[in-house]
Protein backbone atom coordinates (compact mmCIF):
# COMPACT_ATOMS: atom_id res chain seq x y z
CA UNK A 1 -14.72 8.42 1.61
CA UNK A 2 -13.46 11.25 3.06
CA UNK A 3 -10.83 12.78 1.36
CA UNK A 4 -9.55 12.40 -2.15
CA UNK A 5 -5.76 11.75 -1.98
CA UNK A 6 -4.08 8.83 -3.49
CA UNK A 7 -5.60 6.55 -0.56
CA UNK A 8 -9.00 7.69 -0.56
CA UNK A 9 -9.15 7.50 -4.22
CA UNK A 10 -7.67 4.26 -4.31
CA UNK A 11 -10.12 2.46 -2.02
CA UNK A 12 -13.28 4.10 -4.42
CA UNK A 13 -11.60 2.18 -6.77
CA UNK A 14 -11.08 -1.23 -5.57
CA UNK A 15 -14.49 -0.78 -4.49
CA UNK A 16 -16.12 0.24 -7.90
CA UNK A 17 -14.19 -2.45 -9.32
CA UNK A 18 -16.57 -4.98 -6.73
CA UNK A 19 -19.32 -3.45 -7.61
CA UNK A 20 -19.37 -0.94 -5.25
CA UNK A 21 -20.76 2.50 -5.51
CA UNK A 22 -19.35 5.08 -3.32
CA UNK A 23 -19.33 8.94 -2.97
CA UNK A 24 -15.86 10.69 -2.48
CA UNK A 25 -16.09 14.17 -0.60
CA UNK A 26 -13.41 16.54 -1.34
CA UNK A 27 -12.68 19.48 0.48
CA UNK A 28 -10.35 20.90 -2.21
CA UNK A 29 -10.86 21.62 -5.86
CA UNK A 30 -10.92 17.99 -7.50
CA UNK A 31 -7.72 18.54 -8.59
CA UNK A 32 -4.01 18.53 -7.36
CA UNK A 33 -1.41 21.30 -7.71
CA UNK A 34 1.11 19.65 -9.39
CA UNK A 35 4.71 19.68 -7.12
CA UNK A 36 7.40 18.00 -8.60
CA UNK A 37 9.29 18.04 -5.15
CA UNK A 38 5.98 15.51 -3.71
CA UNK A 39 6.49 11.77 -4.99
CA UNK A 40 5.71 8.36 -4.22
CA UNK A 41 7.72 5.05 -3.69
CA UNK A 42 5.41 2.07 -4.58
CA UNK A 43 6.25 -1.22 -4.13
CA UNK A 44 6.45 -3.45 -6.86
CA UNK A 45 3.24 -5.28 -5.95
CA UNK A 46 0.70 -2.48 -4.87
CA UNK A 47 1.85 -0.53 -8.26
CA UNK A 48 0.26 -3.37 -10.36
CA UNK A 49 -2.45 -3.90 -7.78
CA UNK A 50 -3.12 0.19 -8.61
CA UNK A 51 -2.30 -0.13 -12.29
CA UNK A 52 -4.55 -3.26 -12.62
CA UNK A 53 -7.42 -0.95 -11.33
CA UNK A 54 -7.07 1.35 -14.37
CA UNK A 55 -4.86 4.28 -13.20
CA UNK A 56 -2.82 4.51 -15.98
CA UNK A 57 0.19 7.06 -15.05
CA UNK A 58 1.47 4.41 -12.87
CA UNK A 59 2.67 2.64 -16.06
CA UNK A 60 2.92 5.77 -18.21
CA UNK A 61 4.78 8.05 -15.96
CA UNK A 62 6.43 6.05 -13.47
CA UNK A 63 10.03 5.38 -12.99
CA UNK A 64 11.41 2.18 -12.51
CA UNK A 65 14.94 1.95 -11.49
CA UNK A 66 17.53 -0.37 -12.53
CA UNK A 67 19.42 -0.38 -9.67
CA UNK A 68 20.12 1.20 -6.14
CA UNK A 69 23.52 1.83 -4.65
CA UNK A 70 24.79 2.65 -0.82
CA UNK A 71 27.98 5.15 -0.26
CA UNK A 72 29.79 6.06 2.84
CA UNK A 73 31.72 8.48 2.34
CA UNK A 74 33.91 8.05 -1.15
CA UNK A 75 33.49 4.64 -0.74
CA UNK A 76 30.94 2.38 -2.52
CA UNK A 77 29.35 -0.42 0.04
CA UNK A 78 26.68 -2.27 -2.16
CA UNK A 79 24.93 -2.18 -5.18
CA UNK A 80 21.12 -3.96 -5.91
CA UNK A 81 20.15 -4.41 -9.42
CA UNK A 82 16.34 -4.22 -10.00
CA UNK A 83 14.87 -6.96 -12.65
CA UNK A 84 13.42 -10.13 -13.58
CA UNK A 85 15.67 -12.47 -11.69
CA UNK A 86 17.81 -10.01 -10.54
CA UNK A 87 18.82 -9.81 -6.72
CA UNK A 88 16.58 -6.65 -5.65
CA UNK A 89 14.04 -7.95 -7.90
CA UNK A 90 11.33 -6.35 -9.92
CA UNK A 91 11.73 -2.05 -9.14
CA UNK A 92 9.32 -0.03 -7.40
CA UNK A 93 7.76 2.77 -9.23
CA UNK A 94 8.91 6.28 -7.96
CA UNK A 95 6.21 9.13 -10.16
CA UNK A 96 4.75 12.21 -8.99
CA UNK A 97 1.92 12.16 -6.71
CA UNK A 98 -0.51 14.82 -8.62
CA UNK A 99 0.67 12.49 -11.14
CA UNK A 100 -0.94 9.59 -9.57
CA UNK A 101 -3.99 11.50 -8.09
CA UNK A 102 -4.74 12.17 -11.69
CA UNK A 103 -4.41 8.56 -13.01
CA UNK A 104 -6.40 7.29 -10.09
CA UNK A 105 -9.18 10.11 -10.90
CA UNK A 106 -9.23 9.41 -14.61
CA UNK A 107 -9.91 5.91 -13.47
CA UNK A 108 -12.77 7.00 -11.27
CA UNK A 109 -14.16 8.93 -13.55
CA UNK A 110 -14.30 5.33 -15.86
CA UNK A 111 -15.99 3.41 -13.62
CA UNK A 112 -19.56 4.87 -13.13
CA UNK A 113 -19.90 3.92 -9.67
CA UNK A 114 -18.44 7.06 -7.54
CA UNK A 115 -18.82 10.57 -7.20
CA UNK A 116 -16.53 12.95 -6.10
CA UNK A 117 -18.01 15.80 -4.47
CA UNK A 118 -15.73 18.88 -4.14
CA UNK A 119 -15.61 21.42 -1.41
CA UNK A 120 -16.84 19.24 0.80
CA UNK A 121 -15.73 19.64 4.57
CA UNK A 122 -17.08 17.26 6.98
CA UNK A 123 -18.11 18.61 10.24
CA UNK A 124 -20.56 15.62 11.84
CA UNK A 125 -20.34 12.00 11.90
CA UNK A 126 -22.91 10.39 13.57
CA UNK A 127 -23.84 6.73 13.69
CA UNK A 128 -26.96 4.15 13.58
CA UNK A 129 -27.22 0.34 13.51
CA UNK A 130 -27.61 0.37 9.62
CA UNK A 131 -25.53 3.25 8.96
CA UNK A 132 -23.43 6.23 9.11
CA UNK A 133 -24.20 10.17 8.31
CA UNK A 134 -22.10 12.70 7.76
CA UNK A 135 -22.58 16.68 7.32
CA UNK A 136 -19.92 18.59 5.17
CA UNK A 137 -20.34 22.81 5.50
CA UNK A 138 -19.17 24.68 2.20
CA UNK A 139 -21.25 25.72 -1.02
CA UNK A 140 -24.02 23.25 -1.14
CA UNK A 141 -23.28 21.33 2.66
CA UNK A 142 -25.86 18.82 2.75
CA UNK A 143 -26.40 15.44 4.81
CA UNK A 144 -24.83 12.79 3.17
CA UNK A 145 -25.88 9.16 3.87
CA UNK A 146 -23.83 5.78 3.59
CA UNK A 147 -23.13 2.22 4.66
CA UNK A 148 -20.28 2.33 6.08
CA UNK A 149 -18.00 5.38 6.34
CA UNK A 150 -13.90 5.85 5.59
CA UNK A 151 -11.33 8.63 7.13
CA UNK A 152 -8.70 9.22 4.70
CA UNK A 153 -8.57 12.67 5.25
CA UNK A 154 -4.47 13.07 6.19
CA UNK A 155 -2.52 13.82 9.26
CA UNK A 156 -4.91 16.17 10.76
CA UNK A 157 -7.88 14.00 9.88
CA UNK A 158 -11.19 15.39 11.16
CA UNK A 159 -12.96 11.88 10.81
CA UNK A 160 -10.46 10.45 13.53
CA UNK A 161 -11.29 13.77 15.88
CA UNK A 162 -14.91 13.24 15.61
CA UNK A 163 -14.87 9.71 16.18
CA UNK A 164 -12.58 11.03 19.37
CA UNK A 165 -9.78 8.49 18.31
CA UNK A 166 -6.24 9.18 20.23
CA UNK A 167 -3.08 9.66 17.83
CA UNK A 168 -0.30 8.94 19.48
CA UNK A 169 3.52 8.93 18.93
CA UNK A 170 6.30 11.09 17.86
CA UNK A 171 6.90 14.64 16.30
CA UNK A 172 9.36 15.59 14.21
CA UNK A 173 11.54 12.30 13.99
CA UNK A 174 13.36 13.25 10.90
CA UNK A 175 13.61 16.54 8.89
CA UNK A 176 14.84 16.71 5.47
CA UNK A 177 15.33 19.39 2.36
CA UNK A 178 13.89 18.42 -0.46
CA UNK A 179 14.67 19.52 -4.28
CA UNK A 180 13.15 18.34 -7.71
CA UNK A 181 15.91 18.95 -10.24
CA UNK A 182 16.58 17.97 -13.79
CA UNK A 183 20.38 16.68 -14.45
CA UNK A 184 22.68 14.20 -15.78
CA UNK A 185 24.07 12.25 -13.36
CA UNK A 186 26.80 9.73 -12.97
CA UNK A 187 24.00 6.94 -12.33
CA UNK A 188 21.07 6.84 -14.87
CA UNK A 189 17.81 5.15 -13.87
CA UNK A 190 19.77 4.14 -10.52
CA UNK A 191 18.80 5.76 -7.06
CA UNK A 192 21.78 6.16 -4.54
CA UNK A 193 21.60 6.56 -0.95
CA UNK A 194 25.01 8.82 -0.19
CA UNK A 195 26.07 8.15 3.67
CA UNK A 196 28.85 10.75 5.32
CA UNK A 197 29.34 12.37 1.85
CA UNK A 198 33.46 13.76 1.93
CA UNK A 199 31.96 17.70 1.20
CA UNK A 200 31.73 20.42 2.95
CA UNK A 201 27.65 20.85 2.50
CA UNK A 202 26.56 17.14 1.97
CA UNK A 203 25.35 16.73 5.72
CA UNK A 204 24.84 13.32 7.23
CA UNK A 205 23.34 11.69 4.22
CA UNK A 206 21.70 12.47 1.06
CA UNK A 207 19.41 10.27 -1.26
CA UNK A 208 18.94 10.52 -5.36
CA UNK A 209 16.06 8.60 -6.89
CA UNK A 210 15.26 9.12 -10.10
CA UNK A 211 11.98 10.22 -11.93
CA UNK A 212 11.06 10.09 -15.64
CA UNK A 213 12.42 12.25 -18.05
CA UNK A 214 15.86 12.99 -16.16
CA UNK A 215 14.05 14.53 -13.08
CA UNK A 216 15.40 13.78 -9.72
CA UNK A 217 14.58 13.80 -6.16
CA UNK A 218 17.05 14.62 -4.03
CA UNK A 219 16.86 14.46 -0.14
CA UNK A 220 18.86 15.81 2.63
CA UNK A 221 19.03 14.78 6.20
CA UNK A 222 18.73 17.54 8.61
CA UNK A 223 20.53 17.54 11.73
CA UNK A 224 18.38 17.68 14.96
CA UNK A 225 17.39 21.08 15.27
CA UNK A 226 18.17 22.88 12.84
CA UNK A 227 17.81 26.22 11.65
CA UNK A 228 15.54 27.09 8.84
CA UNK A 229 16.96 25.96 5.26
CA UNK A 230 17.45 29.63 3.51
CA UNK A 231 17.57 29.52 -0.26
CA UNK A 232 21.34 30.20 -0.18
CA UNK A 233 22.12 27.49 2.17
CA UNK A 234 20.05 24.74 -0.43
CA UNK A 235 21.70 26.03 -3.59
CA UNK A 236 24.91 25.17 -1.66
CA UNK A 237 23.68 21.78 -0.81
CA UNK A 238 22.68 21.45 -4.63
CA UNK A 239 25.69 22.54 -5.72
CA UNK A 240 28.34 20.75 -4.02
CA UNK A 241 26.33 17.54 -3.79
CA UNK A 242 26.52 17.54 -7.69
CA UNK A 243 29.81 18.42 -7.77
CA UNK A 244 30.83 15.67 -5.66
CA UNK A 245 29.27 13.25 -7.70
CA UNK A 246 30.19 14.48 -10.97
CA UNK A 247 33.40 16.24 -10.35
CA UNK A 248 32.30 19.41 -10.77
CA UNK A 249 28.79 20.84 -10.64
CA UNK A 250 26.83 19.85 -13.75
CA UNK A 251 23.92 22.22 -15.87
CA UNK A 252 20.73 21.74 -13.89
CA UNK A 253 17.11 23.14 -13.67
CA UNK A 254 15.58 23.51 -10.36
CA UNK A 255 11.88 22.51 -10.62
CA UNK A 256 10.72 22.41 -6.39
CA UNK A 257 11.76 22.64 -3.40
CA UNK A 258 10.26 22.11 -0.28
CA UNK A 259 11.47 20.52 3.43
CA UNK A 260 9.88 17.34 4.92
CA UNK A 261 9.04 16.56 8.36
CA UNK A 262 8.62 12.76 9.45
CA UNK A 263 6.33 11.80 11.95
CA UNK A 264 5.50 8.74 13.79
CA UNK A 265 2.26 8.23 14.72
CA UNK A 266 -0.03 5.18 15.39
CA UNK A 267 -4.45 5.73 15.81
CA UNK A 268 -5.66 3.81 19.15
CA UNK A 269 -8.28 2.52 16.70
CA UNK A 270 -9.15 2.17 13.29
CA UNK A 271 -12.39 1.11 13.40
CA UNK A 272 -15.18 2.65 15.62
CA UNK A 273 -18.71 0.33 14.57
CA UNK A 274 -19.21 1.34 10.95
CA UNK A 275 -16.51 4.14 10.69
CA UNK A 276 -13.29 3.63 9.94
CA UNK A 277 -9.35 5.16 9.59
CA UNK A 278 -7.40 4.66 6.68
CA UNK A 279 -3.73 6.32 5.57
CA UNK A 280 -2.63 9.27 7.23
CA UNK A 281 -5.73 9.54 9.03
CA UNK A 282 -4.50 6.24 10.65
CA UNK A 283 -0.72 6.11 10.66
CA UNK A 284 2.31 8.24 9.78
CA UNK A 285 5.37 6.99 9.14
CA UNK A 286 8.30 7.77 7.02
CA UNK A 287 11.96 7.24 8.59
CA UNK A 288 14.35 5.27 7.13
CA UNK A 289 13.18 4.44 3.75
CA UNK A 290 9.59 3.81 4.93
CA UNK A 291 6.92 4.53 2.66
CA UNK A 292 3.70 6.27 3.66
CA UNK A 293 1.86 6.06 0.62
CA UNK A 294 2.39 2.47 0.18
CA UNK A 295 1.16 1.52 3.32
CA UNK A 296 -1.87 3.51 3.25
CA UNK A 297 -2.63 1.72 -0.32
CA UNK A 298 -2.31 -1.64 1.18
CA UNK A 299 -4.58 -0.02 3.97
CA UNK A 300 -7.03 0.46 1.04
CA UNK A 301 -6.44 -3.19 -0.47
CA UNK A 302 -6.97 -5.00 2.46
CA UNK A 303 -10.40 -2.77 3.45
CA UNK A 304 -11.94 -2.84 -0.28
CA UNK A 305 -12.72 -6.28 -0.19
CA UNK A 306 -13.89 -6.42 3.44
CA UNK A 307 -16.34 -3.92 3.19
CA UNK A 308 -17.18 -5.53 -0.43
CA UNK A 309 -18.06 -8.51 0.94
CA UNK A 310 -20.36 -6.48 3.85
CA UNK A 311 -22.09 -4.75 1.28
CA UNK A 312 -23.17 -7.59 -1.17
CA UNK A 313 -23.76 -9.89 1.83
CA UNK A 314 -24.34 -8.07 5.24
CA UNK A 315 -21.25 -7.28 7.39
CA UNK A 316 -19.77 -9.97 9.64
CA UNK A 317 -17.52 -8.44 13.00
CA UNK A 318 -14.86 -10.45 12.76
CA UNK A 319 -14.21 -10.06 9.05
CA UNK A 320 -14.65 -5.91 9.70
CA UNK A 321 -12.49 -5.91 12.50
CA UNK A 322 -9.84 -7.91 11.30
CA UNK A 323 -9.00 -4.83 8.96
CA UNK A 324 -7.89 -2.73 12.10
CA UNK A 325 -5.87 -5.70 13.77
CA UNK A 326 -4.03 -7.28 10.70
CA UNK A 327 -3.20 -3.47 9.12
CA UNK A 328 -2.31 -1.52 12.37
CA UNK A 329 -0.31 -4.79 13.66
CA UNK A 330 2.15 -4.31 10.16
CA UNK A 331 2.01 -0.80 10.91
CA UNK A 332 2.94 -0.78 14.14
CA UNK A 333 5.35 -3.63 13.85
CA UNK A 334 7.17 -0.89 11.31
CA UNK A 335 7.08 1.50 13.30
CA UNK A 336 9.03 -0.24 16.07
CA UNK A 337 11.71 -1.37 13.69
CA UNK A 338 12.30 2.36 12.69
CA UNK A 339 12.18 3.34 16.34
CA UNK A 340 14.83 0.89 17.27
CA UNK A 341 17.10 1.51 14.18
CA UNK A 342 17.20 4.96 14.93
CA UNK A 343 19.26 5.37 17.85
CA UNK A 344 21.48 3.18 15.92
CA UNK A 345 22.10 4.77 12.92
CA UNK A 346 22.00 8.82 14.24
CA UNK A 347 24.36 9.11 16.34
CA UNK A 348 23.16 6.81 19.28
CA UNK A 349 25.60 3.90 18.89
CA UNK A 350 28.18 5.19 20.76
CA UNK A 351 31.19 2.35 20.17
CA UNK A 352 29.33 0.43 17.90
CA UNK A 353 30.24 2.72 15.31
CA UNK A 354 33.61 1.77 15.53
CA UNK A 355 33.42 -1.90 15.56
CA UNK A 356 34.98 -2.95 12.18
CA UNK A 357 32.16 -4.20 9.73
CA UNK A 358 30.08 -1.61 11.25
CA UNK A 359 29.45 0.37 8.48
CA UNK A 360 27.83 -2.48 6.24
CA UNK A 361 25.53 -3.49 9.19
CA UNK A 362 24.17 0.37 9.28
CA UNK A 363 23.68 0.17 5.71
CA UNK A 364 21.89 -3.21 5.82
CA UNK A 365 19.70 -0.91 8.23
CA UNK A 366 19.06 2.30 6.34
CA UNK A 367 18.61 0.64 3.01
CA UNK A 368 16.06 -2.41 4.11
CA UNK A 369 13.38 0.53 4.17
CA UNK A 370 14.29 1.25 0.63
CA UNK A 371 14.95 -1.74 -1.07
CA UNK A 372 11.42 -3.15 0.41
CA UNK A 373 13.19 -5.77 2.70
CA UNK A 374 13.65 -6.69 6.49
CA UNK A 375 10.89 -5.45 9.30
CA UNK A 376 11.31 -1.95 7.70
CA UNK A 377 10.56 -2.30 4.43
CA UNK A 378 8.80 -6.15 3.30
CA UNK A 379 5.45 -6.47 2.55
CA UNK A 380 3.51 -7.19 5.69
CA UNK A 381 2.10 -10.77 6.69
CA UNK A 382 -0.69 -11.52 8.99
CA UNK A 383 -0.06 -14.55 10.40
CA UNK A 384 -2.07 -14.17 13.09
CA UNK A 385 -5.38 -12.80 11.50
CA UNK A 386 -8.26 -13.87 13.01
CA UNK A 387 -9.19 -14.76 9.32
CA UNK A 388 -6.85 -17.34 9.46
CA UNK A 389 -8.25 -21.53 9.43
CA UNK A 390 -7.48 -23.76 12.46
CA UNK A 391 -4.88 -26.24 11.05
CA UNK A 392 -5.55 -29.13 9.47
CA UNK A 393 -4.01 -32.73 8.50
CA UNK A 394 -4.26 -31.93 4.92
CA UNK A 395 -2.33 -28.53 5.47
CA UNK A 396 1.18 -28.51 4.28
CA UNK A 397 3.98 -25.93 4.15
CA UNK A 398 4.86 -24.33 0.76
CA UNK A 399 7.59 -21.04 -0.28
CA UNK A 400 4.88 -19.15 1.27
CA UNK A 401 3.93 -18.94 4.86
CA UNK A 402 0.23 -18.76 6.22
CA UNK A 403 -0.41 -14.87 5.79
CA UNK A 404 2.11 -13.90 4.06
CA UNK A 405 2.18 -12.50 0.36
CA UNK A 406 1.71 -15.14 -2.08
CA UNK A 407 4.46 -14.90 -5.09
CA UNK A 408 3.18 -13.41 -8.53
CA UNK A 409 3.56 -17.08 -10.07
CA UNK A 410 2.48 -17.71 -14.23
CA UNK A 411 -1.25 -19.25 -13.56
CA UNK A 412 -3.75 -20.54 -16.55
CA UNK A 413 -6.80 -18.77 -16.18
CA UNK A 414 -10.46 -19.74 -16.98
CA UNK A 415 -10.51 -18.56 -20.36
CA UNK A 416 -7.35 -20.31 -21.38
CA UNK A 417 -4.67 -17.14 -21.00
CA UNK A 418 -1.64 -17.03 -19.21
CA UNK A 419 -1.40 -14.25 -16.64
CA UNK A 420 0.80 -13.14 -13.52
CA UNK A 421 -1.16 -14.68 -10.22
CA UNK A 422 -1.72 -11.27 -9.15
CA UNK A 423 -3.57 -10.06 -11.66
CA UNK A 424 -6.19 -11.33 -10.46
CA UNK A 425 -6.24 -9.85 -7.59
CA UNK A 426 -8.85 -7.24 -6.03
CA UNK A 427 -12.04 -8.96 -7.68
CA UNK A 428 -13.16 -9.61 -4.43
CA UNK A 429 -13.10 -13.89 -4.95
CA UNK A 430 -10.62 -16.42 -3.33
CA UNK A 431 -8.06 -17.84 -6.07
CA UNK A 432 -7.67 -21.26 -5.81
CA UNK A 433 -4.24 -22.40 -7.41
CA UNK A 434 -3.96 -25.85 -8.51
CA UNK A 435 0.20 -26.55 -8.82
CA UNK A 436 0.34 -29.12 -11.78
CA UNK A 437 3.54 -29.24 -13.90
CA UNK A 438 3.19 -30.36 -17.50
CA UNK A 439 0.04 -28.49 -18.06
CA UNK A 440 1.29 -25.79 -19.87
CA UNK A 441 2.12 -28.24 -22.75
CA UNK A 442 -1.10 -29.97 -22.86
CA UNK A 443 -4.54 -28.76 -24.34
CA UNK A 444 -6.50 -27.50 -21.99
CA UNK A 445 -9.44 -29.10 -23.33
CA UNK A 446 -8.10 -32.44 -22.19
CA UNK A 447 -6.50 -31.60 -18.71
CA UNK A 448 -9.75 -29.59 -17.64
CA UNK A 449 -11.61 -32.85 -17.23
CA UNK A 450 -8.36 -34.91 -16.69
CA UNK A 451 -6.90 -35.94 -12.75
CA UNK A 452 -8.42 -33.80 -9.79
CA UNK A 453 -9.41 -31.12 -11.75
CA UNK A 454 -13.61 -32.23 -11.91
CA UNK A 455 -13.39 -32.95 -7.65
CA UNK A 456 -11.47 -29.49 -7.53
CA UNK A 457 -14.10 -27.09 -9.66
CA UNK A 458 -16.70 -29.34 -7.76
CA UNK A 459 -15.55 -28.08 -4.34
CA UNK A 460 -14.20 -24.60 -5.49
CA UNK A 461 -18.31 -24.39 -6.34
CA UNK A 462 -19.28 -24.98 -3.12
CA UNK A 463 -17.01 -22.75 -1.22
CA UNK A 464 -19.12 -19.87 1.17
CA UNK A 465 -17.11 -17.38 -0.94
CA UNK A 466 -16.98 -17.04 -4.63
CA UNK A 467 -13.80 -18.86 -5.92
CA UNK A 468 -11.89 -18.41 -8.81
CA UNK A 469 -10.15 -21.77 -10.22
CA UNK A 470 -6.37 -21.11 -11.33
CA UNK A 471 -3.92 -23.31 -12.97
CA UNK A 472 -0.03 -23.25 -12.20
CA UNK A 473 2.86 -25.15 -13.08
CA UNK A 474 5.09 -24.65 -10.64
CA UNK A 475 5.28 -22.40 -6.70
CA UNK A 476 8.30 -22.28 -5.05
CA UNK A 477 8.21 -25.05 -2.48
CA UNK A 478 4.70 -27.00 -2.99
CA UNK A 479 4.69 -30.56 -4.29
CA UNK A 480 2.67 -31.84 -7.58
CA UNK A 481 -1.21 -31.23 -7.10
CA UNK A 482 -0.88 -29.08 -3.96
CA UNK A 483 -3.67 -26.39 -3.71
CA UNK A 484 -2.88 -23.17 -2.60
CA UNK A 485 -5.79 -20.40 -0.70
CA UNK A 486 -5.70 -16.92 -1.84
CA UNK A 487 -7.30 -14.41 0.18
CA UNK A 488 -9.14 -11.69 -2.48
CA UNK A 489 -5.90 -9.49 -1.52
CA UNK A 490 -3.24 -11.54 -2.06
CA UNK A 491 -2.08 -13.53 1.19
CA UNK A 492 -1.94 -16.89 1.58
CA UNK A 493 -4.72 -18.36 3.70
CA UNK A 494 -3.37 -22.09 3.29
CA UNK A 495 -1.83 -24.75 1.15
CA UNK A 496 -3.17 -28.75 1.42
CA UNK A 497 -1.90 -31.72 -0.07
CA UNK A 498 -4.60 -32.31 -2.62
CA UNK A 499 -8.27 -31.55 -3.09
CA UNK A 500 -9.94 -31.55 0.48
CA UNK A 501 -13.81 -30.28 0.22
CA UNK A 502 -14.06 -29.85 3.93
CA UNK A 503 -10.57 -28.46 4.98
CA UNK A 504 -10.88 -25.90 1.89
CA UNK A 505 -15.04 -25.12 2.78
CA UNK A 506 -13.64 -24.39 7.16
CA UNK A 507 -10.73 -22.24 5.64
CA UNK A 508 -13.12 -20.24 3.33
CA UNK A 509 -15.39 -19.82 5.85
CA UNK A 510 -12.57 -18.78 8.48
CA UNK A 511 -11.53 -16.07 5.55
CA UNK A 512 -15.39 -14.45 5.84
CA UNK A 513 -15.58 -14.75 9.56
CA UNK A 514 -17.17 -17.49 10.50
CA UNK A 515 -20.69 -18.09 9.87
CA UNK A 516 -21.78 -14.52 12.16
CA UNK A 517 -23.75 -12.33 9.43
CA UNK A 518 -24.25 -9.53 12.05
CA UNK A 519 -23.45 -6.02 10.50
CA UNK A 520 -21.68 -3.46 12.12
CA UNK A 521 -23.39 -1.94 14.58
CA UNK A 522 -25.48 -5.44 15.63
CA UNK A 523 -27.63 -6.01 13.03
CA UNK A 524 -27.33 -9.18 10.69
CA UNK A 525 -27.52 -8.68 6.64
CA UNK A 526 -27.03 -4.71 7.24
CA UNK A 527 -24.66 -4.45 4.86
CA UNK A 528 -27.32 -2.43 2.22
CA UNK A 529 -28.89 -0.54 4.72
CA UNK A 530 -27.81 2.71 4.63
CA UNK A 531 -27.20 3.70 1.10
CA UNK A 532 -25.61 6.71 0.04
CA UNK A 533 -27.65 9.72 -0.74
CA UNK A 534 -27.35 13.47 -0.24
CA UNK A 535 -28.92 16.66 -1.55
CA UNK A 536 -28.17 15.62 -4.80
CA UNK A 537 -29.77 12.47 -4.42
CA UNK A 538 -26.81 9.91 -5.35
CA UNK A 539 -27.01 6.56 -4.50
CA UNK A 540 -23.56 4.44 -3.26
CA UNK A 541 -22.67 1.96 -0.42
CA UNK A 542 -19.74 3.62 1.08
CA UNK A 543 -19.37 7.40 2.27
CA UNK A 544 -15.30 8.29 2.51
CA UNK A 545 -12.87 10.77 2.62
CA UNK A 546 -9.48 11.46 2.49
CA UNK A 547 -7.48 14.50 3.00
CA UNK A 548 -4.59 16.74 0.84
CA UNK A 549 -2.10 16.76 3.56
CA UNK A 550 0.88 17.19 1.71
CA UNK A 551 3.98 14.96 2.47
CA UNK A 552 6.10 18.26 1.39
CA UNK A 553 5.76 21.61 3.35
């Protein structure tokens, strides 16, 4: 990986969890400067993914919100509660970016399969049929060799420039003044979006999102072409906003300040032979509550199992190409939804803004991204993936559409433990889930050899990819004895009306990209052909880099 920001570190950690060694080339000194104002919001599924990889700071230092408030002027439009069984579902996790990076670095140090090389700036990239060569400048500059390279080096990506990939889009879509402060607000643990607040210095929109230990991040939307935000003007915004919420300015401790400029850009290509782009190197977004880092971690989740498959078994063009097809399409749809909503929400709606009910309609648009709903915020689905199997008579509809993320239901694992379905993801294996009502009250020794279990176990053993057999008492929309095939990143491949070994095999064959075994560069079985090595004699499978571009400047 080129770059040691959260996306590059997550990708390296996910690869290590699947037995793939890598080198991370870090342009910086190997640690992140603590900036309380630079925070990240991770959707529940992505927070669980990162935690399951061993990043403990998500759990130990992240804040989970108890609710979300939407206000317009002095009126509460909507309140959503978070929690199991609540309207908002599980809460997202909000934490400082440097805490996330620290947790990822600690997990990588324990993995034993990843080397982070600091003060290493990439200046040359060369590819051949068996691997990628990167040259780094700086102290101890040398050539590094890997099977694949992933540029996670931020908005000004050197890897993207060396690959001659265009980065088109719009500049300065939004600007926000941002502060981190410690104070007591009237809604402990609840995030707030306040549009058109009734006080003088509130601007058109302000967001408050809680962190741990009484700390809040506040973002004020700045007008287009606004002047620079002076310290006095920022203090005025803080005092007026806190007074408007609390009935008087409460005591507060200002921890950090910044101005965040949101750009919307999308790289034309995310794969060039054996080199890939991920995170801010591939896309920039962030307006209307869309979460750039969350999308970057989804890139890492999607790419890691495909690279691991290619490294262990030889690359398949269809499988590797599917990363760009799936993720670029998903991010493009997110950007398109934001670009269509911005004129309506930022003053371009004309008379529509005065139509009765327009305020609530606007509230839904502006909060979907924050709540993880709709085109702006819902987890992406890949219904038209090149890895999707052909329709078969044995396929049945369930509560999850093919290509969409599966529901996180309780399942019984092979060792007899009951775990969350999503906790079995990220290991590079297909998940095969049998829906068997009543198994929770049976002795496992009996139902393992009863009914369809022996034939299903044999079908799973015969799959062309490693598979793990799990049992669920229920799954939304699925009848008894349905069998679900789930990708290593948690997206549903297909659901079957029972055990159908031939159709299950065909679906699994589609997931691995078909029967082709040609690696990137056109040589069959070339996955391990480019073991990483450098001046220090490091060995591994993937070279990557992620930049340290700040979200807040």
